[in-house]
Amino acid sequence: MKKSYADMDPVEEIRAVRAEIMDEFKTLDALCEYLNKHYTKAPVAKPKESKKVSRQRKATKHPS
């Protein structure tokens, strides 16, 4: 008989959820496609670049 999540310790619960996700979605692309299809209404913020990365990009641009 399968244990319920309430009967599991936190690490065991995470492993069980991960296993269920891996059984349903064989590839990461399939999981991403599902999430994008069903949860696209929430805006996803793009991570800001650090100032160091921003400066490096400006320094490596070639003048046209």
C-alpha atoms as a PDB file:
ATOM      1  CA  MET A   1       0.000   0.000   0.000  1.00  0.00           C
ATOM      2  CA  LYS A   2       1.275   3.441  -0.925  1.00  0.00           C
ATOM      3  CA  LYS A   3       2.035   5.774   1.971  1.00  0.00           C
ATOM      4  CA  SER A   4       0.354   9.161   2.065  1.00  0.00           C
ATOM      5  CA  TYR A   5       2.502  12.258   2.048  1.00  0.00           C
ATOM      6  CA  ALA A   6       1.383  13.030   5.614  1.00  0.00           C
ATOM      7  CA  ASP A   7       3.014   9.801   6.796  1.00  0.00           C
ATOM      8  CA  MET A   8       6.389  10.639   5.230  1.00  0.00           C
ATOM      9  CA  ASP A   9       9.275  12.640   6.565  1.00  0.00           C
ATOM     10  CA  PRO A  10      10.049  15.779   4.472  1.00  0.00           C
ATOM     11  CA  VAL A  11      12.959  14.284   2.513  1.00  0.00           C
ATOM     12  CA  GLU A  12      11.002  11.135   1.739  1.00  0.00           C
ATOM     13  CA  GLU A  13       8.052  13.276   0.609  1.00  0.00           C
ATOM     14  CA  ILE A  14      10.265  15.278  -1.775  1.00  0.00           C
ATOM     15  CA  ARG A  15      11.656  12.066  -3.257  1.00  0.00           C
ATOM     16  CA  ALA A  16       8.151  10.661  -3.740  1.00  0.00           C
ATOM     17  CA  VAL A  17       6.910  13.805  -5.494  1.00  0.00           C
ATOM     18  CA  ARG A  18      10.024  13.865  -7.684  1.00  0.00           C
ATOM     19  CA  ALA A  19       9.454  10.223  -8.642  1.00  0.00           C
ATOM     20  CA  GLU A  20       5.834  10.933  -9.588  1.00  0.00           C
ATOM     21  CA  ILE A  21       6.876  13.886 -11.755  1.00  0.00           C
ATOM     22  CA  MET A  22       9.596  11.802 -13.434  1.00  0.00           C
ATOM     23  CA  ASP A  23       7.069   9.015 -14.146  1.00  0.00           C
ATOM     24  CA  GLU A  24       4.621  11.410 -15.798  1.00  0.00           C
ATOM     25  CA  PHE A  25       7.097  13.585 -17.709  1.00  0.00           C
ATOM     26  CA  LYS A  26       9.894  11.645 -19.354  1.00  0.00           C
ATOM     27  CA  THR A  27      11.855  14.760 -20.406  1.00  0.00           C
ATOM     28  CA  LEU A  28      12.409  18.221 -19.024  1.00  0.00           C
ATOM     29  CA  ASP A  29      11.004  19.664 -22.245  1.00  0.00           C
ATOM     30  CA  ALA A  30       7.733  17.813 -21.658  1.00  0.00           C
ATOM     31  CA  LEU A  31       7.491  19.193 -18.131  1.00  0.00           C
ATOM     32  CA  CYS A  32       8.262  22.743 -19.311  1.00  0.00           C
ATOM     33  CA  GLU A  33       5.691  22.456 -22.089  1.00  0.00           C
ATOM     34  CA  TYR A  34       3.043  21.320 -19.597  1.00  0.00           C
ATOM     35  CA  LEU A  35       3.847  24.118 -17.152  1.00  0.00           C
ATOM     36  CA  ASN A  36       3.847  26.764 -19.881  1.00  0.00           C
ATOM     37  CA  LYS A  37       0.533  25.496 -21.228  1.00  0.00           C
ATOM     38  CA  HIS A  38      -1.239  25.420 -17.862  1.00  0.00           C
ATOM     39  CA  TYR A  39       0.459  28.205 -15.899  1.00  0.00           C
ATOM     40  CA  THR A  40       1.269  30.983 -18.380  1.00  0.00           C
ATOM     41  CA  LYS A  41      -0.922  33.615 -16.723  1.00  0.00           C
ATOM     42  CA  ALA A  42       1.591  34.311 -13.985  1.00  0.00           C
ATOM     43  CA  PRO A  43       4.221  36.782 -15.148  1.00  0.00           C
ATOM     44  CA  VAL A  44       7.749  35.489 -14.924  1.00  0.00           C
ATOM     45  CA  ALA A  45      10.302  38.117 -13.999  1.00  0.00           C
ATOM     46  CA  LYS A  46      13.589  38.007 -15.801  1.00  0.00           C
ATOM     47  CA  PRO A  47      16.582  37.961 -13.480  1.00  0.00           C
ATOM     48  CA  LYS A  48      18.497  41.199 -13.431  1.00  0.00           C
ATOM     49  CA  GLU A  49      22.080  41.170 -14.566  1.00  0.00           C
ATOM     50  CA  SER A  50      24.655  42.037 -12.001  1.00  0.00           C
ATOM     51  CA  LYS A  51      26.554  45.260 -12.596  1.00  0.00           C
ATOM     52  CA  LYS A  52      29.734  43.263 -13.210  1.00  0.00           C
ATOM     53  CA  VAL A  53      28.130  41.194 -15.986  1.00  0.00           C
ATOM     54  CA  SER A  54      26.570  44.311 -17.485  1.00  0.00           C
ATOM     55  CA  ARG A  55      29.944  46.083 -17.588  1.00  0.00           C
ATOM     56  CA  GLN A  56      31.601  43.027 -19.122  1.00  0.00           C
ATOM     57  CA  ARG A  57      29.002  42.902 -21.899  1.00  0.00           C
ATOM     58  CA  LYS A  58      29.479  46.583 -22.682  1.00  0.00           C
ATOM     59  CA  ALA A  59      33.269  46.155 -22.750  1.00  0.00           C
ATOM     60  CA  THR A  60      33.108  43.199 -25.164  1.00  0.00           C
ATOM     61  CA  LYS A  61      30.770  44.851 -27.705  1.00  0.00           C
ATOM     62  CA  HIS A  62      32.466  45.636 -30.960  1.00  0.00           C
ATOM     63  CA  PRO A  63      31.851  49.055 -32.501  1.00  0.00           C
ATOM     64  CA  SER A  64      29.977  48.876 -35.783  1.00  0.00           C
END
